[in-house]
Amino acid sequence: MNVVMNIVRGLLSSMKGLISKIAAIVRECGEAQRRMDALRVAPDRFVSRPDAAPETYAEFLFRTSGPLLREPSAQARARGAARR
């Protein structure tokens, strides 16, 4: 009976690890999708010279009108949190 229990515990442990890795992959894919969407609709894509500084205040406001990335706190960054 102990042998069977050890096998079951080993399988459950392996499955937990596999599930957590799959969850991490799905989470990373979601973050990448959000980042791609933000870049795809960024106002800088629609100006003639995206690398040049804005010439007017109105152009500056237009370029910064996109979604802002949330910066985690210093404490969260120390734990390894990524930008959202």
PDB file of N, CA and C in Angstrom:
ATOM      1  N   MET A   1       0.815  -1.193   0.000  1.00  0.00           N
ATOM      2  CA  MET A   1       0.000   0.000   0.000  1.00  0.00           C
ATOM      3  C   MET A   1       0.865   1.266   0.000  1.00  0.00           C
ATOM      4  N   ASN A   2       1.987   1.224   0.748  1.00  0.00           N
ATOM      5  CA  ASN A   2       2.875   2.380   0.782  1.00  0.00           C
ATOM      6  C   ASN A   2       3.471   2.671  -0.590  1.00  0.00           C
ATOM      7  N   VAL A   3       3.767   1.645  -1.334  1.00  0.00           N
ATOM      8  CA  VAL A   3       4.340   1.817  -2.668  1.00  0.00           C
ATOM      9  C   VAL A   3       3.360   2.560  -3.568  1.00  0.00           C
ATOM     10  N   VAL A   4       2.090   2.183  -3.496  1.00  0.00           N
ATOM     11  CA  VAL A   4       1.062   2.833  -4.313  1.00  0.00           C
ATOM     12  C   VAL A   4       0.925   4.296  -3.915  1.00  0.00           C
ATOM     13  N   MET A   5       0.928   4.575  -2.618  1.00  0.00           N
ATOM     14  CA  MET A   5       0.808   5.952  -2.140  1.00  0.00           C
ATOM     15  C   MET A   5       1.998   6.795  -2.597  1.00  0.00           C
ATOM     16  N   ASN A   6       3.187   6.230  -2.562  1.00  0.00           N
ATOM     17  CA  ASN A   6       4.369   6.952  -3.018  1.00  0.00           C
ATOM     18  C   ASN A   6       4.274   7.268  -4.505  1.00  0.00           C
ATOM     19  N   ILE A   7       3.774   6.326  -5.274  1.00  0.00           N
ATOM     20  CA  ILE A   7       3.613   6.552  -6.719  1.00  0.00           C
ATOM     21  C   ILE A   7       2.593   7.650  -6.964  1.00  0.00           C
ATOM     22  N   VAL A   8       1.485   7.610  -6.236  1.00  0.00           N
ATOM     23  CA  VAL A   8       0.442   8.626  -6.397  1.00  0.00           C
ATOM     24  C   VAL A   8       0.981   9.999  -6.011  1.00  0.00           C
ATOM     25  N   ARG A   9       1.706  10.081  -4.902  1.00  0.00           N
ATOM     26  CA  ARG A   9       2.293  11.360  -4.477  1.00  0.00           C
ATOM     27  C   ARG A   9       3.270  11.886  -5.528  1.00  0.00           C
ATOM     28  N   GLY A  10       4.082  10.995  -6.080  1.00  0.00           N
ATOM     29  CA  GLY A  10       5.021  11.407  -7.124  1.00  0.00           C
ATOM     30  C   GLY A  10       4.307  11.930  -8.358  1.00  0.00           C
ATOM     31  N   LEU A  11       3.234  11.255  -8.761  1.00  0.00           N
ATOM     32  CA  LEU A  11       2.466  11.706  -9.918  1.00  0.00           C
ATOM     33  C   LEU A  11       1.807  13.060  -9.662  1.00  0.00           C
ATOM     34  N   LEU A  12       1.239  13.221  -8.473  1.00  0.00           N
ATOM     35  CA  LEU A  12       0.604  14.499  -8.132  1.00  0.00           C
ATOM     36  C   LEU A  12       1.627  15.627  -8.112  1.00  0.00           C
ATOM     37  N   SER A  13       2.789  15.360  -7.582  1.00  0.00           N
ATOM     38  CA  SER A  13       3.850  16.361  -7.542  1.00  0.00           C
ATOM     39  C   SER A  13       4.273  16.749  -8.961  1.00  0.00           C
ATOM     40  N   SER A  14       4.429  15.764  -9.820  1.00  0.00           N
ATOM     41  CA  SER A  14       4.800  16.032 -11.211  1.00  0.00           C
ATOM     42  C   SER A  14       3.716  16.823 -11.928  1.00  0.00           C
ATOM     43  N   MET A  15       2.469  16.460 -11.666  1.00  0.00           N
ATOM     44  CA  MET A  15       1.360  17.170 -12.315  1.00  0.00           C
ATOM     45  C   MET A  15       1.277  18.609 -11.844  1.00  0.00           C
ATOM     46  N   LYS A  16       1.525  18.855 -10.552  1.00  0.00           N
ATOM     47  CA  LYS A  16       1.531  20.230 -10.038  1.00  0.00           C
ATOM     48  C   LYS A  16       2.574  21.071 -10.755  1.00  0.00           C
ATOM     49  N   GLY A  17       3.771  20.497 -10.908  1.00  0.00           N
ATOM     50  CA  GLY A  17       4.849  21.210 -11.591  1.00  0.00           C
ATOM     51  C   GLY A  17       4.493  21.510 -13.041  1.00  0.00           C
ATOM     52  N   LEU A  18       3.922  20.534 -13.712  1.00  0.00           N
ATOM     53  CA  LEU A  18       3.535  20.712 -15.104  1.00  0.00           C
ATOM     54  C   LEU A  18       2.443  21.776 -15.242  1.00  0.00           C
ATOM     55  N   ILE A  19       1.466  21.731 -14.352  1.00  0.00           N
ATOM     56  CA  ILE A  19       0.371  22.704 -14.404  1.00  0.00           C
ATOM     57  C   ILE A  19       0.899  24.110 -14.136  1.00  0.00           C
ATOM     58  N   SER A  20       1.810  24.266 -13.192  1.00  0.00           N
ATOM     59  CA  SER A  20       2.342  25.605 -12.913  1.00  0.00           C
ATOM     60  C   SER A  20       3.161  26.124 -14.095  1.00  0.00           C
ATOM     61  N   LYS A  21       3.886  25.241 -14.776  1.00  0.00           N
ATOM     62  CA  LYS A  21       4.645  25.670 -15.963  1.00  0.00           C
ATOM     63  C   LYS A  21       3.704  26.076 -17.092  1.00  0.00           C
ATOM     64  N   ILE A  22       2.643  25.333 -17.285  1.00  0.00           N
ATOM     65  CA  ILE A  22       1.664  25.683 -18.320  1.00  0.00           C
ATOM     66  C   ILE A  22       1.006  27.020 -17.991  1.00  0.00           C
ATOM     67  N   ALA A  23       0.672  27.235 -16.718  1.00  0.00           N
ATOM     68  CA  ALA A  23       0.070  28.499 -16.304  1.00  0.00           C
ATOM     69  C   ALA A  23       1.028  29.659 -16.546  1.00  0.00           C
ATOM     70  N   ALA A  24       2.310  29.469 -16.290  1.00  0.00           N
ATOM     71  CA  ALA A  24       3.301  30.518 -16.529  1.00  0.00           C
ATOM     72  C   ALA A  24       3.403  30.848 -18.018  1.00  0.00           C
ATOM     73  N   ILE A  25       3.337  29.834 -18.857  1.00  0.00           N
ATOM     74  CA  ILE A  25       3.395  30.059 -20.306  1.00  0.00           C
ATOM     75  C   ILE A  25       2.170  30.835 -20.775  1.00  0.00           C
ATOM     76  N   VAL A  26       0.999  30.448 -20.292  1.00  0.00           N
ATOM     77  CA  VAL A  26      -0.235  31.146 -20.676  1.00  0.00           C
ATOM     78  C   VAL A  26      -0.191  32.590 -20.201  1.00  0.00           C
ATOM     79  N   ARG A  27       0.288  32.817 -18.974  1.00  0.00           N
ATOM     80  CA  ARG A  27       0.394  34.175 -18.433  1.00  0.00           C
ATOM     81  C   ARG A  27       1.347  35.024 -19.280  1.00  0.00           C
ATOM     82  N   GLU A  28       2.480  34.452 -19.664  1.00  0.00           N
ATOM     83  CA  GLU A  28       3.448  35.179 -20.477  1.00  0.00           C
ATOM     84  C   GLU A  28       2.884  35.493 -21.862  1.00  0.00           C
ATOM     85  N   CYS A  29       2.142  34.560 -22.431  1.00  0.00           N
ATOM     86  CA  CYS A  29       1.514  34.808 -23.732  1.00  0.00           C
ATOM     87  C   CYS A  29       0.496  35.945 -23.643  1.00  0.00           C
ATOM     88  N   GLY A  30      -0.250  35.992 -22.541  1.00  0.00           N
ATOM     89  CA  GLY A  30      -1.207  37.073 -22.342  1.00  0.00           C
ATOM     90  C   GLY A  30      -0.515  38.417 -22.233  1.00  0.00           C
ATOM     91  N   GLU A  31       0.600  38.468 -21.494  1.00  0.00           N
ATOM     92  CA  GLU A  31       1.359  39.714 -21.375  1.00  0.00           C
ATOM     93  C   GLU A  31       1.926  40.138 -22.730  1.00  0.00           C
ATOM     94  N   ALA A  32       2.426  39.190 -23.494  1.00  0.00           N
ATOM     95  CA  ALA A  32       2.970  39.504 -24.817  1.00  0.00           C
ATOM     96  C   ALA A  32       1.867  40.019 -25.743  1.00  0.00           C
ATOM     97  N   GLN A  33       0.681  39.432 -25.642  1.00  0.00           N
ATOM     98  CA  GLN A  33      -0.436  39.885 -26.475  1.00  0.00           C
ATOM     99  C   GLN A  33      -0.840  41.311 -26.122  1.00  0.00           C
ATOM    100  N   ARG A  34      -0.904  41.628 -24.819  1.00  0.00           N
ATOM    101  CA  ARG A  34      -1.235  42.992 -24.407  1.00  0.00           C
ATOM    102  C   ARG A  34      -0.188  43.978 -24.912  1.00  0.00           C
ATOM    103  N   ARG A  35       1.088  43.602 -24.835  1.00  0.00           N
ATOM    104  CA  ARG A  35       2.173  44.474 -25.297  1.00  0.00           C
ATOM    105  C   ARG A  35       2.081  44.685 -26.810  1.00  0.00           C
ATOM    106  N   MET A  36       1.818  43.619 -27.557  1.00  0.00           N
ATOM    107  CA  MET A  36       1.680  43.754 -29.009  1.00  0.00           C
ATOM    108  C   MET A  36       0.507  44.651 -29.369  1.00  0.00           C
ATOM    109  N   ASP A  37      -0.598  44.510 -28.655  1.00  0.00           N
ATOM    110  CA  ASP A  37      -1.755  45.364 -28.918  1.00  0.00           C
ATOM    111  C   ASP A  37      -1.423  46.824 -28.644  1.00  0.00           C
ATOM    112  N   ALA A  38      -0.702  47.083 -27.558  1.00  0.00           N
ATOM    113  CA  ALA A  38      -0.323  48.456 -27.231  1.00  0.00           C
ATOM    114  C   ALA A  38       0.594  49.036 -28.302  1.00  0.00           C
ATOM    115  N   LEU A  39       1.528  48.240 -28.779  1.00  0.00           N
ATOM    116  CA  LEU A  39       2.437  48.722 -29.825  1.00  0.00           C
ATOM    117  C   LEU A  39       1.722  48.900 -31.161  1.00  0.00           C
ATOM    118  N   ARG A  40       0.762  48.032 -31.435  1.00  0.00           N
ATOM    119  CA  ARG A  40       0.051  48.087 -32.703  1.00  0.00           C
ATOM    120  C   ARG A  40      -0.773  49.364 -32.840  1.00  0.00           C
ATOM    121  N   VAL A  41      -1.339  49.848 -31.747  1.00  0.00           N
ATOM    122  CA  VAL A  41      -2.197  51.037 -31.816  1.00  0.00           C
ATOM    123  C   VAL A  41      -1.509  52.288 -31.273  1.00  0.00           C
ATOM    124  N   ALA A  42      -0.199  52.211 -31.020  1.00  0.00           N
ATOM    125  CA  ALA A  42       0.535  53.365 -30.492  1.00  0.00           C
ATOM    126  C   ALA A  42       0.516  54.515 -31.503  1.00  0.00           C
ATOM    127  N   PRO A  43       0.280  55.725 -31.034  1.00  0.00           N
ATOM    128  CA  PRO A  43       0.251  56.877 -31.935  1.00  0.00           C
ATOM    129  C   PRO A  43       1.562  57.085 -32.689  1.00  0.00           C
ATOM    130  N   ASP A  44       2.690  56.677 -32.118  1.00  0.00           N
ATOM    131  CA  ASP A  44       3.974  56.846 -32.802  1.00  0.00           C
ATOM    132  C   ASP A  44       4.044  56.093 -34.126  1.00  0.00           C
ATOM    133  N   ARG A  45       3.221  55.084 -34.297  1.00  0.00           N
ATOM    134  CA  ARG A  45       3.210  54.355 -35.577  1.00  0.00           C
ATOM    135  C   ARG A  45       2.623  55.182 -36.702  1.00  0.00           C
ATOM    136  N   PHE A  46       1.853  56.203 -36.365  1.00  0.00           N
ATOM    137  CA  PHE A  46       1.118  56.945 -37.381  1.00  0.00           C
ATOM    138  C   PHE A  46       1.703  58.314 -37.677  1.00  0.00           C
ATOM    139  N   VAL A  47       2.865  58.645 -37.129  1.00  0.00           N
ATOM    140  CA  VAL A  47       3.516  59.918 -37.449  1.00  0.00           C
ATOM    141  C   VAL A  47       4.592  59.668 -38.489  1.00  0.00           C
ATOM    142  N   SER A  48       4.951  60.725 -39.221  1.00  0.00           N
ATOM    143  CA  SER A  48       5.902  60.541 -40.319  1.00  0.00           C
ATOM    144  C   SER A  48       7.321  60.263 -39.820  1.00  0.00           C
ATOM    145  N   ARG A  49       7.716  60.865 -38.701  1.00  0.00           N
ATOM    146  CA  ARG A  49       9.064  60.633 -38.149  1.00  0.00           C
ATOM    147  C   ARG A  49       8.923  60.213 -36.681  1.00  0.00           C
ATOM    148  N   PRO A  50       8.717  58.941 -36.404  1.00  0.00           N
ATOM    149  CA  PRO A  50       8.469  58.511 -35.022  1.00  0.00           C
ATOM    150  C   PRO A  50       9.671  58.659 -34.093  1.00  0.00           C
ATOM    151  N   ASP A  51      10.890  58.690 -34.642  1.00  0.00           N
ATOM    152  CA  ASP A  51      12.074  58.809 -33.791  1.00  0.00           C
ATOM    153  C   ASP A  51      12.419  60.251 -33.447  1.00  0.00           C
ATOM    154  N   ALA A  52      11.838  61.203 -34.158  1.00  0.00           N
ATOM    155  CA  ALA A  52      12.125  62.610 -33.906  1.00  0.00           C
ATOM    156  C   ALA A  52      11.285  63.114 -32.734  1.00  0.00           C
ATOM    157  N   ALA A  53      11.800  64.141 -32.078  1.00  0.00           N
ATOM    158  CA  ALA A  53      11.060  64.746 -30.964  1.00  0.00           C
ATOM    159  C   ALA A  53       9.827  65.467 -31.515  1.00  0.00           C
ATOM    160  N   PRO A  54       8.756  65.545 -30.740  1.00  0.00           N
ATOM    161  CA  PRO A  54       7.564  66.267 -31.205  1.00  0.00           C
ATOM    162  C   PRO A  54       7.882  67.752 -31.392  1.00  0.00           C
ATOM    163  N   GLU A  55       7.327  68.335 -32.441  1.00  0.00           N
ATOM    164  CA  GLU A  55       7.613  69.742 -32.743  1.00  0.00           C
ATOM    165  C   GLU A  55       6.686  70.697 -32.005  1.00  0.00           C
ATOM    166  N   THR A  56       5.500  70.245 -31.656  1.00  0.00           N
ATOM    167  CA  THR A  56       4.554  71.108 -30.955  1.00  0.00           C
ATOM    168  C   THR A  56       4.028  70.381 -29.721  1.00  0.00           C
ATOM    169  N   TYR A  57       3.421  71.170 -28.838  1.00  0.00           N
ATOM    170  CA  TYR A  57       2.828  70.580 -27.642  1.00  0.00           C
ATOM    171  C   TYR A  57       1.659  69.684 -28.021  1.00  0.00           C
ATOM    172  N   ALA A  58       0.914  70.069 -29.037  1.00  0.00           N
ATOM    173  CA  ALA A  58      -0.213  69.242 -29.490  1.00  0.00           C
ATOM    174  C   ALA A  58       0.282  67.887 -29.994  1.00  0.00           C
ATOM    175  N   GLU A  59       1.396  67.876 -30.719  1.00  0.00           N
ATOM    176  CA  GLU A  59       1.959  66.614 -31.194  1.00  0.00           C
ATOM    177  C   GLU A  59       2.448  65.771 -30.016  1.00  0.00           C
ATOM    178  N   PHE A  60       3.026  66.421 -29.003  1.00  0.00           N
ATOM    179  CA  PHE A  60       3.448  65.708 -27.806  1.00  0.00           C
ATOM    180  C   PHE A  60       2.253  65.047 -27.127  1.00  0.00           C
ATOM    181  N   LEU A  61       1.164  65.779 -26.982  1.00  0.00           N
ATOM    182  CA  LEU A  61      -0.036  65.224 -26.358  1.00  0.00           C
ATOM    183  C   LEU A  61      -0.593  64.067 -27.173  1.00  0.00           C
ATOM    184  N   PHE A  62      -0.556  64.190 -28.506  1.00  0.00           N
ATOM    185  CA  PHE A  62      -1.033  63.102 -29.361  1.00  0.00           C
ATOM    186  C   PHE A  62      -0.189  61.841 -29.157  1.00  0.00           C
ATOM    187  N   ARG A  63       1.124  62.005 -29.116  1.00  0.00           N
ATOM    188  CA  ARG A  63       2.004  60.841 -28.987  1.00  0.00           C
ATOM    189  C   ARG A  63       1.885  60.168 -27.630  1.00  0.00           C
ATOM    190  N   THR A  64       1.562  60.917 -26.607  1.00  0.00           N
ATOM    191  CA  THR A  64       1.471  60.331 -25.272  1.00  0.00           C
ATOM    192  C   THR A  64       0.037  59.964 -24.907  1.00  0.00           C
ATOM    193  N   SER A  65      -0.851  59.939 -25.873  1.00  0.00           N
ATOM    194  CA  SER A  65      -2.260  59.666 -25.581  1.00  0.00           C
ATOM    195  C   SER A  65      -2.575  58.175 -25.488  1.00  0.00           C
ATOM    196  N   GLY A  66      -1.615  57.328 -25.776  1.00  0.00           N
ATOM    197  CA  GLY A  66      -1.846  55.884 -25.737  1.00  0.00           C
ATOM    198  C   GLY A  66      -1.935  55.361 -24.315  1.00  0.00           C
ATOM    199  N   PRO A  67      -2.192  54.080 -24.187  1.00  0.00           N
ATOM    200  CA  PRO A  67      -2.288  53.487 -22.846  1.00  0.00           C
ATOM    201  C   PRO A  67      -0.941  53.519 -22.145  1.00  0.00           C
ATOM    202  N   LEU A  68      -0.957  53.809 -20.854  1.00  0.00           N
ATOM    203  CA  LEU A  68       0.275  53.867 -20.079  1.00  0.00           C
ATOM    204  C   LEU A  68       0.537  52.508 -19.439  1.00  0.00           C
ATOM    205  N   LEU A  69       1.796  52.157 -19.362  1.00  0.00           N
ATOM    206  CA  LEU A  69       2.177  50.917 -18.703  1.00  0.00           C
ATOM    207  C   LEU A  69       2.229  51.168 -17.200  1.00  0.00           C
ATOM    208  N   ARG A  70       1.664  50.252 -16.433  1.00  0.00           N
ATOM    209  CA  ARG A  70       1.691  50.392 -14.979  1.00  0.00           C
ATOM    210  C   ARG A  70       3.040  49.911 -14.484  1.00  0.00           C
ATOM    211  N   GLU A  71       3.728  50.789 -13.797  1.00  0.00           N
ATOM    212  CA  GLU A  71       5.036  50.450 -13.242  1.00  0.00           C
ATOM    213  C   GLU A  71       4.832  49.888 -11.836  1.00  0.00           C
ATOM    214  N   PRO A  72       5.340  48.696 -11.549  1.00  0.00           N
ATOM    215  CA  PRO A  72       5.176  48.138 -10.204  1.00  0.00           C
ATOM    216  C   PRO A  72       6.009  48.910  -9.178  1.00  0.00           C
ATOM    217  N   SER A  73       5.651  48.798  -7.922  1.00  0.00           N
ATOM    218  CA  SER A  73       6.398  49.459  -6.858  1.00  0.00           C
ATOM    219  C   SER A  73       7.797  48.850  -6.752  1.00  0.00           C
ATOM    220  N   ALA A  74       8.677  49.536  -6.038  1.00  0.00           N
ATOM    221  CA  ALA A  74      10.045  49.042  -5.863  1.00  0.00           C
ATOM    222  C   ALA A  74      10.031  47.695  -5.145  1.00  0.00           C
ATOM    223  N   GLN A  75       9.133  47.553  -4.195  1.00  0.00           N
ATOM    224  CA  GLN A  75       9.041  46.294  -3.452  1.00  0.00           C
ATOM    225  C   GLN A  75       8.613  45.149  -4.380  1.00  0.00           C
ATOM    226  N   ALA A  76       7.645  45.424  -5.256  1.00  0.00           N
ATOM    227  CA  ALA A  76       7.198  44.401  -6.191  1.00  0.00           C
ATOM    228  C   ALA A  76       8.293  44.073  -7.209  1.00  0.00           C
ATOM    229  N   ARG A  77       9.031  45.099  -7.655  1.00  0.00           N
ATOM    230  CA  ARG A  77      10.121  44.844  -8.603  1.00  0.00           C
ATOM    231  C   ARG A  77      11.207  43.993  -7.960  1.00  0.00           C
ATOM    232  N   ALA A  78      11.453  44.205  -6.655  1.00  0.00           N
ATOM    233  CA  ALA A  78      12.468  43.407  -5.962  1.00  0.00           C
ATOM    234  C   ALA A  78      12.051  41.932  -5.917  1.00  0.00           C
ATOM    235  N   ARG A  79      10.731  41.677  -5.900  1.00  0.00           N
ATOM    236  CA  ARG A  79      10.251  40.296  -5.915  1.00  0.00           C
ATOM    237  C   ARG A  79      10.221  39.723  -7.324  1.00  0.00           C
ATOM    238  N   GLY A  80      10.496  40.563  -8.331  1.00  0.00           N
ATOM    239  CA  GLY A  80      10.526  40.071  -9.703  1.00  0.00           C
ATOM    240  C   GLY A  80       9.282  40.368 -10.511  1.00  0.00           C
ATOM    241  N   ALA A  81       8.455  41.307 -10.069  1.00  0.00           N
ATOM    242  CA  ALA A  81       7.225  41.644 -10.814  1.00  0.00           C
ATOM    243  C   ALA A  81       7.593  42.360 -12.104  1.00  0.00           C
ATOM    244  N   ALA A  82       6.827  42.093 -13.158  1.00  0.00           N
ATOM    245  CA  ALA A  82       7.046  42.728 -14.452  1.00  0.00           C
ATOM    246  C   ALA A  82       6.065  43.873 -14.651  1.00  0.00           C
ATOM    247  N   ARG A  83       6.388  44.718 -15.630  1.00  0.00           N
ATOM    248  CA  ARG A  83       5.481  45.802 -15.988  1.00  0.00           C
ATOM    249  C   ARG A  83       4.236  45.251 -16.615  1.00  0.00           C
ATOM    250  N   ARG A  84       3.108  45.962 -16.430  1.00  0.00           N
ATOM    251  CA  ARG A  84       1.854  45.552 -17.062  1.00  0.00           C
ATOM    252  C   ARG A  84       1.374  46.647 -17.954  1.00  0.00           C
TER     253      ARG A  84
END
